[in-house]
Amino acid sequence: MKRLFSLSLLVALVGFFTLQGFRTTETTNTEEIEWISFEEAVKRSETSKKKIIIDVYTDWCGWCKKMDKATFQVDGIARYVNANYHAVRFDAEQKEEIVFGGKTYSFVPQGNRGYHELAAALLNGRMSYPTVVFLDENFNMIQPLPGYKGPEDMERILHFYGDNAFKEITWDEFAQSFTSQL
């Protein structure tokens, strides 16, 4: 009896993990977001006018890692971002200076860590991670959105700004009429 139970449990576990393997294969993404540096986004904007999406993160932020895997690696999200935005991943604690708009932004040590002045400017001083920042084609602030966003929420947000709906209707009107393509 004990042997039969062990054999049944083994068969069930093998079946479960086999199905999980097929499931992972079915959802493997085929397109990835082309993340570039802030400096590269500025350079590309000279010839290719697109809005800019900036994923402001830190290497210790668990929600940042979750959003990177669960949201930014979804095919439909990656395809839309690549087609409509210059995508920047920006470490809010990076040490390298950035010159932008005639100003030099530097790292500011604070306790055991610190922050980058450009991150503080993009986040309006609210150092919350992850935060996704949307800028227009001329690097003017549209909106910083703090907190984790799942794929469905991110898809709506990307289209709201990417399709310029934010210029014509409210978020509530847009969200009610939006049809997901994921």
N, C-alpha and C. Protein backbone atom coordinates (compact mmCIF):
# COMPACT_ATOMS: atom_id res chain seq x y z
N MET A 1 0.83 -1.19 0.00
CA MET A 1 0.00 0.00 0.00
C MET A 1 0.88 1.26 0.00
N LYS A 2 1.90 1.27 0.85
CA LYS A 2 2.80 2.40 0.93
C LYS A 2 3.54 2.59 -0.40
N ARG A 3 3.94 1.48 -1.00
CA ARG A 3 4.65 1.51 -2.28
C ARG A 3 3.75 2.06 -3.39
N LEU A 4 2.48 1.65 -3.40
CA LEU A 4 1.52 2.12 -4.39
C LEU A 4 1.30 3.62 -4.26
N PHE A 5 1.21 4.12 -3.01
CA PHE A 5 1.03 5.55 -2.77
C PHE A 5 2.25 6.33 -3.28
N SER A 6 3.46 5.82 -2.99
CA SER A 6 4.69 6.48 -3.44
C SER A 6 4.77 6.53 -4.96
N LEU A 7 4.41 5.42 -5.60
CA LEU A 7 4.42 5.37 -7.06
C LEU A 7 3.39 6.33 -7.65
N SER A 8 2.20 6.39 -7.06
CA SER A 8 1.16 7.31 -7.53
C SER A 8 1.61 8.76 -7.37
N LEU A 9 2.23 9.06 -6.24
CA LEU A 9 2.72 10.42 -6.00
C LEU A 9 3.80 10.78 -7.02
N LEU A 10 4.71 9.85 -7.29
CA LEU A 10 5.77 10.09 -8.27
C LEU A 10 5.19 10.36 -9.66
N VAL A 11 4.22 9.56 -10.08
CA VAL A 11 3.58 9.74 -11.39
C VAL A 11 2.88 11.11 -11.45
N ALA A 12 2.20 11.47 -10.38
CA ALA A 12 1.50 12.76 -10.34
C ALA A 12 2.49 13.92 -10.44
N LEU A 13 3.60 13.84 -9.71
CA LEU A 13 4.59 14.91 -9.75
C LEU A 13 5.24 15.03 -11.13
N VAL A 14 5.58 13.88 -11.73
CA VAL A 14 6.17 13.91 -13.07
C VAL A 14 5.18 14.54 -14.05
N GLY A 15 3.92 14.16 -13.97
CA GLY A 15 2.90 14.74 -14.83
C GLY A 15 2.76 16.23 -14.63
N PHE A 16 2.74 16.67 -13.37
CA PHE A 16 2.60 18.09 -13.06
C PHE A 16 3.75 18.90 -13.65
N PHE A 17 5.00 18.45 -13.41
CA PHE A 17 6.15 19.20 -13.91
C PHE A 17 6.26 19.13 -15.43
N THR A 18 5.81 18.05 -16.02
CA THR A 18 5.78 17.97 -17.47
C THR A 18 4.82 19.00 -18.04
N LEU A 19 3.63 19.10 -17.45
CA LEU A 19 2.65 20.09 -17.91
C LEU A 19 3.17 21.51 -17.69
N GLN A 20 3.86 21.75 -16.58
CA GLN A 20 4.42 23.06 -16.33
C GLN A 20 5.46 23.42 -17.40
N GLY A 21 6.23 22.43 -17.82
CA GLY A 21 7.22 22.66 -18.87
C GLY A 21 6.56 23.06 -20.18
N PHE A 22 5.46 22.39 -20.55
CA PHE A 22 4.74 22.77 -21.76
C PHE A 22 4.14 24.15 -21.62
N ARG A 23 3.64 24.45 -20.46
CA ARG A 23 3.02 25.74 -20.22
C ARG A 23 4.04 26.86 -20.40
N THR A 24 5.24 26.68 -19.85
CA THR A 24 6.29 27.68 -19.99
C THR A 24 6.68 27.85 -21.45
N THR A 25 6.77 26.76 -22.18
CA THR A 25 7.15 26.83 -23.58
C THR A 25 6.11 27.61 -24.38
N GLU A 26 4.84 27.43 -24.06
CA GLU A 26 3.78 28.11 -24.80
C GLU A 26 3.81 29.63 -24.59
N THR A 27 4.25 30.09 -23.42
CA THR A 27 4.22 31.52 -23.13
C THR A 27 5.59 32.18 -23.28
N THR A 28 6.56 31.45 -23.80
CA THR A 28 7.89 32.03 -23.99
C THR A 28 7.76 33.24 -24.92
N ASN A 29 8.36 34.33 -24.49
CA ASN A 29 8.22 35.52 -25.33
C ASN A 29 9.19 35.47 -26.49
N THR A 30 8.79 36.01 -27.59
CA THR A 30 9.61 36.00 -28.79
C THR A 30 10.21 37.37 -29.07
N GLU A 31 9.71 38.38 -28.41
CA GLU A 31 10.23 39.73 -28.60
C GLU A 31 10.56 40.32 -27.24
N GLU A 32 11.68 41.04 -27.18
CA GLU A 32 12.09 41.68 -25.94
C GLU A 32 12.16 43.18 -26.17
N ILE A 33 11.94 43.92 -25.11
CA ILE A 33 12.08 45.37 -25.19
C ILE A 33 13.55 45.70 -25.42
N GLU A 34 13.79 46.62 -26.33
CA GLU A 34 15.15 47.09 -26.56
C GLU A 34 15.43 48.23 -25.57
N TRP A 35 15.96 47.87 -24.43
CA TRP A 35 16.29 48.87 -23.41
C TRP A 35 17.57 49.58 -23.80
N ILE A 36 17.57 50.89 -23.70
CA ILE A 36 18.75 51.69 -24.02
C ILE A 36 19.02 52.64 -22.87
N SER A 37 20.19 53.25 -22.89
CA SER A 37 20.55 54.22 -21.85
C SER A 37 19.80 55.53 -22.09
N PHE A 38 19.78 56.37 -21.08
CA PHE A 38 19.16 57.69 -21.21
C PHE A 38 19.87 58.49 -22.30
N GLU A 39 21.20 58.41 -22.30
CA GLU A 39 21.98 59.15 -23.30
C GLU A 39 21.65 58.67 -24.72
N GLU A 40 21.48 57.36 -24.88
CA GLU A 40 21.14 56.81 -26.20
C GLU A 40 19.74 57.26 -26.63
N ALA A 41 18.81 57.36 -25.69
CA ALA A 41 17.46 57.84 -26.01
C ALA A 41 17.51 59.28 -26.50
N VAL A 42 18.33 60.09 -25.86
CA VAL A 42 18.49 61.49 -26.29
C VAL A 42 19.04 61.51 -27.71
N LYS A 43 20.05 60.70 -27.97
CA LYS A 43 20.68 60.65 -29.30
C LYS A 43 19.68 60.19 -30.36
N ARG A 44 18.95 59.11 -30.07
CA ARG A 44 17.99 58.57 -31.05
C ARG A 44 16.84 59.54 -31.30
N SER A 45 16.49 60.32 -30.30
CA SER A 45 15.39 61.27 -30.45
C SER A 45 15.69 62.38 -31.45
N GLU A 46 16.94 62.57 -31.74
CA GLU A 46 17.32 63.57 -32.74
C GLU A 46 16.80 63.18 -34.12
N THR A 47 16.75 61.88 -34.41
CA THR A 47 16.33 61.43 -35.74
C THR A 47 15.03 60.63 -35.73
N SER A 48 14.67 60.08 -34.61
CA SER A 48 13.46 59.25 -34.51
C SER A 48 12.60 59.75 -33.36
N LYS A 49 11.63 60.58 -33.68
CA LYS A 49 10.80 61.20 -32.65
C LYS A 49 9.78 60.20 -32.12
N LYS A 50 10.02 59.71 -30.92
CA LYS A 50 9.09 58.84 -30.21
C LYS A 50 9.01 59.32 -28.77
N LYS A 51 7.95 58.95 -28.10
CA LYS A 51 7.88 59.21 -26.68
C LYS A 51 8.93 58.34 -25.98
N ILE A 52 9.22 58.69 -24.74
CA ILE A 52 10.22 57.95 -23.97
C ILE A 52 9.53 57.34 -22.76
N ILE A 53 9.81 56.06 -22.54
CA ILE A 53 9.35 55.39 -21.33
C ILE A 53 10.61 55.06 -20.54
N ILE A 54 10.61 55.42 -19.27
CA ILE A 54 11.77 55.18 -18.42
C ILE A 54 11.35 54.31 -17.24
N ASP A 55 11.95 53.14 -17.14
CA ASP A 55 11.74 52.24 -16.01
C ASP A 55 12.79 52.59 -14.97
N VAL A 56 12.38 53.32 -13.93
CA VAL A 56 13.30 53.71 -12.86
C VAL A 56 13.27 52.61 -11.80
N TYR A 57 14.42 52.01 -11.55
CA TYR A 57 14.50 50.85 -10.68
C TYR A 57 15.76 50.92 -9.81
N THR A 58 15.89 49.98 -8.89
CA THR A 58 17.14 49.75 -8.16
C THR A 58 17.40 48.25 -8.19
N ASP A 59 18.64 47.87 -8.00
CA ASP A 59 18.97 46.44 -8.06
C ASP A 59 18.45 45.66 -6.85
N TRP A 60 18.08 46.32 -5.76
CA TRP A 60 17.58 45.64 -4.57
C TRP A 60 16.05 45.58 -4.53
N CYS A 61 15.38 46.16 -5.48
CA CYS A 61 13.91 46.28 -5.47
C CYS A 61 13.25 45.02 -6.02
N GLY A 62 12.57 44.28 -5.13
CA GLY A 62 11.88 43.05 -5.53
C GLY A 62 10.75 43.29 -6.51
N TRP A 63 9.96 44.35 -6.29
CA TRP A 63 8.84 44.66 -7.20
C TRP A 63 9.35 45.07 -8.58
N CYS A 64 10.54 45.69 -8.63
CA CYS A 64 11.14 46.04 -9.92
C CYS A 64 11.46 44.78 -10.71
N LYS A 65 12.04 43.80 -10.03
CA LYS A 65 12.38 42.54 -10.69
C LYS A 65 11.13 41.80 -11.14
N LYS A 66 10.10 41.83 -10.30
CA LYS A 66 8.84 41.16 -10.67
C LYS A 66 8.23 41.83 -11.89
N MET A 67 8.21 43.16 -11.93
CA MET A 67 7.63 43.87 -13.07
C MET A 67 8.44 43.62 -14.34
N ASP A 68 9.74 43.52 -14.21
CA ASP A 68 10.58 43.23 -15.37
C ASP A 68 10.20 41.88 -15.97
N LYS A 69 10.02 40.88 -15.13
CA LYS A 69 9.72 39.53 -15.62
C LYS A 69 8.24 39.35 -16.00
N ALA A 70 7.35 39.82 -15.16
CA ALA A 70 5.92 39.54 -15.36
C ALA A 70 5.24 40.52 -16.32
N THR A 71 5.80 41.68 -16.52
CA THR A 71 5.15 42.70 -17.35
C THR A 71 5.96 43.02 -18.60
N PHE A 72 7.19 43.46 -18.42
CA PHE A 72 7.97 43.92 -19.56
C PHE A 72 8.41 42.80 -20.49
N GLN A 73 8.30 41.55 -20.07
CA GLN A 73 8.70 40.45 -20.94
C GLN A 73 7.51 39.79 -21.64
N VAL A 74 6.35 40.39 -21.54
CA VAL A 74 5.17 39.89 -22.26
C VAL A 74 5.27 40.38 -23.71
N ASP A 75 5.04 39.46 -24.66
CA ASP A 75 5.19 39.78 -26.08
C ASP A 75 4.47 41.06 -26.50
N GLY A 76 3.19 41.16 -26.20
CA GLY A 76 2.40 42.31 -26.63
C GLY A 76 2.93 43.61 -26.06
N ILE A 77 3.39 43.58 -24.83
CA ILE A 77 3.97 44.77 -24.20
C ILE A 77 5.27 45.15 -24.92
N ALA A 78 6.15 44.16 -25.09
CA ALA A 78 7.44 44.42 -25.74
C ALA A 78 7.26 44.95 -27.16
N ARG A 79 6.36 44.35 -27.91
CA ARG A 79 6.12 44.79 -29.29
C ARG A 79 5.65 46.25 -29.33
N TYR A 80 4.69 46.58 -28.46
CA TYR A 80 4.14 47.93 -28.46
C TYR A 80 5.19 48.96 -28.02
N VAL A 81 5.95 48.63 -26.97
CA VAL A 81 6.99 49.55 -26.50
C VAL A 81 8.02 49.79 -27.60
N ASN A 82 8.51 48.72 -28.23
CA ASN A 82 9.53 48.88 -29.28
C ASN A 82 9.02 49.71 -30.46
N ALA A 83 7.76 49.58 -30.78
CA ALA A 83 7.20 50.31 -31.92
C ALA A 83 6.92 51.78 -31.61
N ASN A 84 6.63 52.10 -30.36
CA ASN A 84 6.10 53.43 -30.03
C ASN A 84 6.94 54.26 -29.08
N TYR A 85 7.95 53.69 -28.47
CA TYR A 85 8.73 54.40 -27.46
C TYR A 85 10.22 54.13 -27.64
N HIS A 86 11.03 55.06 -27.13
CA HIS A 86 12.42 54.77 -26.81
C HIS A 86 12.36 54.31 -25.36
N ALA A 87 12.82 53.09 -25.08
CA ALA A 87 12.70 52.50 -23.75
C ALA A 87 14.02 52.58 -22.99
N VAL A 88 13.96 53.21 -21.82
CA VAL A 88 15.16 53.42 -21.00
C VAL A 88 14.98 52.69 -19.67
N ARG A 89 16.00 51.93 -19.29
CA ARG A 89 16.06 51.37 -17.93
C ARG A 89 17.06 52.25 -17.19
N PHE A 90 16.61 52.81 -16.07
CA PHE A 90 17.45 53.76 -15.36
C PHE A 90 17.59 53.34 -13.90
N ASP A 91 18.81 52.98 -13.52
CA ASP A 91 19.11 52.61 -12.13
C ASP A 91 19.17 53.89 -11.31
N ALA A 92 18.25 54.04 -10.38
CA ALA A 92 18.14 55.26 -9.58
C ALA A 92 19.35 55.47 -8.67
N GLU A 93 20.22 54.45 -8.57
CA GLU A 93 21.40 54.57 -7.73
C GLU A 93 22.70 54.50 -8.54
N GLN A 94 22.60 54.71 -9.84
CA GLN A 94 23.82 54.63 -10.66
C GLN A 94 24.76 55.76 -10.30
N LYS A 95 26.04 55.52 -10.50
CA LYS A 95 27.07 56.48 -10.09
C LYS A 95 27.52 57.40 -11.23
N GLU A 96 27.24 57.03 -12.47
CA GLU A 96 27.73 57.80 -13.61
C GLU A 96 26.97 59.12 -13.75
N GLU A 97 27.70 60.17 -14.06
CA GLU A 97 27.08 61.48 -14.30
C GLU A 97 26.36 61.46 -15.65
N ILE A 98 25.30 62.24 -15.75
CA ILE A 98 24.57 62.39 -17.00
C ILE A 98 24.39 63.89 -17.25
N VAL A 99 24.74 64.32 -18.44
CA VAL A 99 24.53 65.70 -18.83
C VAL A 99 23.30 65.73 -19.72
N PHE A 100 22.32 66.53 -19.32
CA PHE A 100 21.09 66.63 -20.09
C PHE A 100 20.50 68.02 -19.91
N GLY A 101 20.10 68.63 -21.00
CA GLY A 101 19.48 69.95 -20.95
C GLY A 101 20.38 71.00 -20.34
N GLY A 102 21.69 70.87 -20.56
CA GLY A 102 22.63 71.87 -20.05
C GLY A 102 22.96 71.70 -18.57
N LYS A 103 22.50 70.63 -17.94
CA LYS A 103 22.74 70.41 -16.52
C LYS A 103 23.41 69.05 -16.33
N THR A 104 24.31 68.98 -15.36
CA THR A 104 24.97 67.71 -15.02
C THR A 104 24.28 67.11 -13.81
N TYR A 105 23.81 65.89 -13.97
CA TYR A 105 23.15 65.14 -12.89
C TYR A 105 24.13 64.11 -12.34
N SER A 106 24.26 64.07 -11.02
CA SER A 106 25.25 63.21 -10.37
C SER A 106 24.60 62.32 -9.32
N PHE A 107 25.39 61.39 -8.82
CA PHE A 107 25.00 60.52 -7.71
C PHE A 107 25.16 61.30 -6.41
N VAL A 108 24.18 61.17 -5.53
CA VAL A 108 24.23 61.82 -4.22
C VAL A 108 24.30 60.74 -3.15
N PRO A 109 25.46 60.60 -2.48
CA PRO A 109 25.54 59.58 -1.42
C PRO A 109 24.61 59.95 -0.27
N GLN A 110 23.98 58.92 0.29
CA GLN A 110 23.07 59.15 1.41
C GLN A 110 23.02 57.86 2.22
N GLY A 111 23.57 57.89 3.41
CA GLY A 111 23.63 56.68 4.22
C GLY A 111 24.45 55.60 3.52
N ASN A 112 23.95 54.37 3.55
CA ASN A 112 24.65 53.26 2.88
C ASN A 112 24.44 53.25 1.38
N ARG A 113 23.49 54.00 0.92
CA ARG A 113 23.15 53.99 -0.52
C ARG A 113 23.26 55.41 -1.06
N GLY A 114 22.23 55.86 -1.68
CA GLY A 114 22.20 57.18 -2.26
C GLY A 114 21.22 57.19 -3.42
N TYR A 115 21.23 58.25 -4.19
CA TYR A 115 20.33 58.35 -5.33
C TYR A 115 20.97 59.21 -6.41
N HIS A 116 20.48 59.04 -7.61
CA HIS A 116 20.97 59.84 -8.73
C HIS A 116 20.05 61.05 -8.87
N GLU A 117 20.64 62.21 -9.10
CA GLU A 117 19.85 63.44 -9.21
C GLU A 117 18.84 63.39 -10.36
N LEU A 118 19.18 62.70 -11.46
CA LEU A 118 18.23 62.60 -12.57
C LEU A 118 17.02 61.77 -12.15
N ALA A 119 17.25 60.71 -11.38
CA ALA A 119 16.13 59.91 -10.88
C ALA A 119 15.23 60.78 -10.01
N ALA A 120 15.82 61.58 -9.14
CA ALA A 120 15.03 62.46 -8.27
C ALA A 120 14.23 63.46 -9.09
N ALA A 121 14.83 63.98 -10.17
CA ALA A 121 14.11 64.92 -11.04
C ALA A 121 12.97 64.22 -11.76
N LEU A 122 13.22 63.02 -12.29
CA LEU A 122 12.18 62.29 -13.01
C LEU A 122 11.02 61.87 -12.10
N LEU A 123 11.34 61.61 -10.83
CA LEU A 123 10.33 61.14 -9.88
C LEU A 123 9.77 62.27 -9.03
N ASN A 124 10.07 63.49 -9.40
CA ASN A 124 9.61 64.66 -8.63
C ASN A 124 9.95 64.55 -7.15
N GLY A 125 11.13 63.99 -6.87
CA GLY A 125 11.61 63.87 -5.50
C GLY A 125 11.00 62.71 -4.71
N ARG A 126 10.07 61.99 -5.28
CA ARG A 126 9.43 60.85 -4.59
C ARG A 126 10.14 59.57 -5.02
N MET A 127 11.10 59.16 -4.25
CA MET A 127 11.96 58.03 -4.61
C MET A 127 11.25 56.72 -4.29
N SER A 128 10.43 56.29 -5.23
CA SER A 128 9.63 55.08 -5.09
C SER A 128 9.91 54.17 -6.27
N TYR A 129 10.16 52.89 -5.98
CA TYR A 129 10.54 51.96 -7.03
C TYR A 129 9.62 50.74 -7.03
N PRO A 130 9.27 50.26 -8.19
CA PRO A 130 9.56 50.83 -9.51
C PRO A 130 8.66 52.04 -9.78
N THR A 131 9.13 52.91 -10.63
CA THR A 131 8.30 53.98 -11.18
C THR A 131 8.57 54.02 -12.68
N VAL A 132 7.49 54.08 -13.44
CA VAL A 132 7.61 54.21 -14.89
C VAL A 132 7.29 55.66 -15.22
N VAL A 133 8.22 56.29 -15.93
CA VAL A 133 8.09 57.71 -16.28
C VAL A 133 7.84 57.81 -17.78
N PHE A 134 6.87 58.63 -18.15
CA PHE A 134 6.57 58.88 -19.56
C PHE A 134 6.95 60.31 -19.90
N LEU A 135 7.75 60.45 -20.96
CA LEU A 135 8.14 61.76 -21.47
C LEU A 135 7.67 61.86 -22.91
N ASP A 136 7.39 63.09 -23.34
CA ASP A 136 6.99 63.25 -24.75
C ASP A 136 8.22 63.21 -25.64
N GLU A 137 8.02 63.43 -26.92
CA GLU A 137 9.10 63.35 -27.90
C GLU A 137 10.21 64.36 -27.68
N ASN A 138 9.92 65.41 -26.91
CA ASN A 138 10.90 66.45 -26.63
C ASN A 138 11.41 66.40 -25.19
N PHE A 139 11.21 65.28 -24.53
CA PHE A 139 11.66 65.04 -23.16
C PHE A 139 10.95 65.90 -22.13
N ASN A 140 9.73 66.33 -22.44
CA ASN A 140 8.90 67.01 -21.45
C ASN A 140 8.14 65.95 -20.67
N MET A 141 7.99 66.17 -19.38
CA MET A 141 7.31 65.22 -18.51
C MET A 141 5.84 65.09 -18.89
N ILE A 142 5.41 63.84 -19.07
CA ILE A 142 3.98 63.55 -19.20
C ILE A 142 3.46 63.09 -17.86
N GLN A 143 4.10 62.01 -17.32
CA GLN A 143 3.59 61.45 -16.07
C GLN A 143 4.56 60.42 -15.50
N PRO A 144 4.90 60.52 -14.20
CA PRO A 144 5.56 59.41 -13.54
C PRO A 144 4.48 58.56 -12.85
N LEU A 145 4.58 57.24 -12.99
CA LEU A 145 3.60 56.34 -12.38
C LEU A 145 4.31 55.37 -11.44
N PRO A 146 4.25 55.62 -10.13
CA PRO A 146 4.95 54.75 -9.19
C PRO A 146 4.19 53.44 -8.95
N GLY A 147 4.95 52.41 -8.59
CA GLY A 147 4.37 51.14 -8.18
C GLY A 147 4.37 50.09 -9.28
N TYR A 148 4.21 48.85 -8.83
CA TYR A 148 4.16 47.71 -9.73
C TYR A 148 2.93 47.80 -10.63
N LYS A 149 3.12 47.50 -11.90
CA LYS A 149 2.02 47.44 -12.87
C LYS A 149 2.06 46.08 -13.56
N GLY A 150 0.97 45.34 -13.51
CA GLY A 150 0.88 44.07 -14.21
C GLY A 150 0.70 44.30 -15.69
N PRO A 151 0.75 43.23 -16.49
CA PRO A 151 0.67 43.38 -17.95
C PRO A 151 -0.60 44.08 -18.44
N GLU A 152 -1.75 43.75 -17.87
CA GLU A 152 -3.01 44.35 -18.34
C GLU A 152 -3.04 45.85 -18.05
N ASP A 153 -2.63 46.23 -16.83
CA ASP A 153 -2.59 47.66 -16.51
C ASP A 153 -1.57 48.39 -17.36
N MET A 154 -0.40 47.78 -17.52
CA MET A 154 0.66 48.42 -18.31
C MET A 154 0.23 48.59 -19.76
N GLU A 155 -0.45 47.60 -20.31
CA GLU A 155 -0.90 47.70 -21.70
C GLU A 155 -1.81 48.91 -21.88
N ARG A 156 -2.77 49.09 -20.97
CA ARG A 156 -3.68 50.25 -21.05
C ARG A 156 -2.89 51.56 -20.95
N ILE A 157 -1.99 51.61 -19.99
CA ILE A 157 -1.21 52.83 -19.76
C ILE A 157 -0.36 53.16 -21.00
N LEU A 158 0.31 52.14 -21.54
CA LEU A 158 1.15 52.36 -22.73
C LEU A 158 0.34 52.94 -23.88
N HIS A 159 -0.84 52.40 -24.11
CA HIS A 159 -1.69 52.89 -25.20
C HIS A 159 -2.25 54.28 -24.90
N PHE A 160 -2.59 54.54 -23.66
CA PHE A 160 -3.13 55.84 -23.27
C PHE A 160 -2.16 56.96 -23.65
N TYR A 161 -0.88 56.76 -23.34
CA TYR A 161 0.12 57.76 -23.68
C TYR A 161 0.63 57.61 -25.10
N GLY A 162 0.91 56.39 -25.52
CA GLY A 162 1.49 56.14 -26.84
C GLY A 162 0.57 56.54 -27.98
N ASP A 163 -0.74 56.39 -27.79
CA ASP A 163 -1.71 56.76 -28.83
C ASP A 163 -2.24 58.19 -28.67
N ASN A 164 -1.65 58.94 -27.74
CA ASN A 164 -2.03 60.33 -27.45
C ASN A 164 -3.47 60.49 -26.96
N ALA A 165 -4.07 59.43 -26.47
CA ALA A 165 -5.43 59.53 -25.94
C ALA A 165 -5.49 60.48 -24.75
N PHE A 166 -4.40 60.58 -23.99
CA PHE A 166 -4.35 61.46 -22.82
C PHE A 166 -4.58 62.92 -23.17
N LYS A 167 -4.40 63.26 -24.44
CA LYS A 167 -4.60 64.64 -24.87
C LYS A 167 -6.07 64.95 -25.15
N GLU A 168 -6.89 63.91 -25.29
CA GLU A 168 -8.28 64.10 -25.72
C GLU A 168 -9.34 63.63 -24.73
N ILE A 169 -9.03 62.57 -23.97
CA ILE A 169 -10.04 62.03 -23.05
C ILE A 169 -9.41 61.73 -21.69
N THR A 170 -10.26 61.53 -20.71
CA THR A 170 -9.77 61.21 -19.37
C THR A 170 -9.33 59.75 -19.31
N TRP A 171 -8.55 59.44 -18.29
CA TRP A 171 -8.11 58.06 -18.08
C TRP A 171 -9.32 57.12 -17.92
N ASP A 172 -10.31 57.52 -17.14
CA ASP A 172 -11.48 56.67 -16.91
C ASP A 172 -12.22 56.37 -18.20
N GLU A 173 -12.39 57.39 -19.05
CA GLU A 173 -13.06 57.15 -20.34
C GLU A 173 -12.24 56.19 -21.20
N PHE A 174 -10.94 56.39 -21.21
CA PHE A 174 -10.08 55.53 -22.01
C PHE A 174 -10.10 54.10 -21.48
N ALA A 175 -9.93 53.93 -20.18
CA ALA A 175 -9.87 52.59 -19.58
C ALA A 175 -11.15 51.81 -19.83
N GLN A 176 -12.30 52.48 -19.83
CA GLN A 176 -13.59 51.80 -20.07
C GLN A 176 -13.71 51.32 -21.51
N SER A 177 -13.13 52.05 -22.44
CA SER A 177 -13.30 51.70 -23.85
C SER A 177 -12.16 50.85 -24.41
N PHE A 178 -11.08 50.71 -23.65
CA PHE A 178 -9.90 49.99 -24.15
C PHE A 178 -10.14 48.49 -24.22
N THR A 179 -9.73 47.90 -25.33
CA THR A 179 -9.81 46.46 -25.51
C THR A 179 -8.40 45.89 -25.56
N SER A 180 -8.11 44.99 -24.65
CA SER A 180 -6.77 44.40 -24.57
C SER A 180 -6.45 43.57 -25.81
N GLN A 181 -5.18 43.62 -26.18
CA GLN A 181 -4.71 42.82 -27.30
C GLN A 181 -3.74 41.74 -26.81
N LEU A 182 -3.64 41.59 -25.50
CA LEU A 182 -2.73 40.57 -24.94
C LEU A 182 -3.38 39.20 -25.00
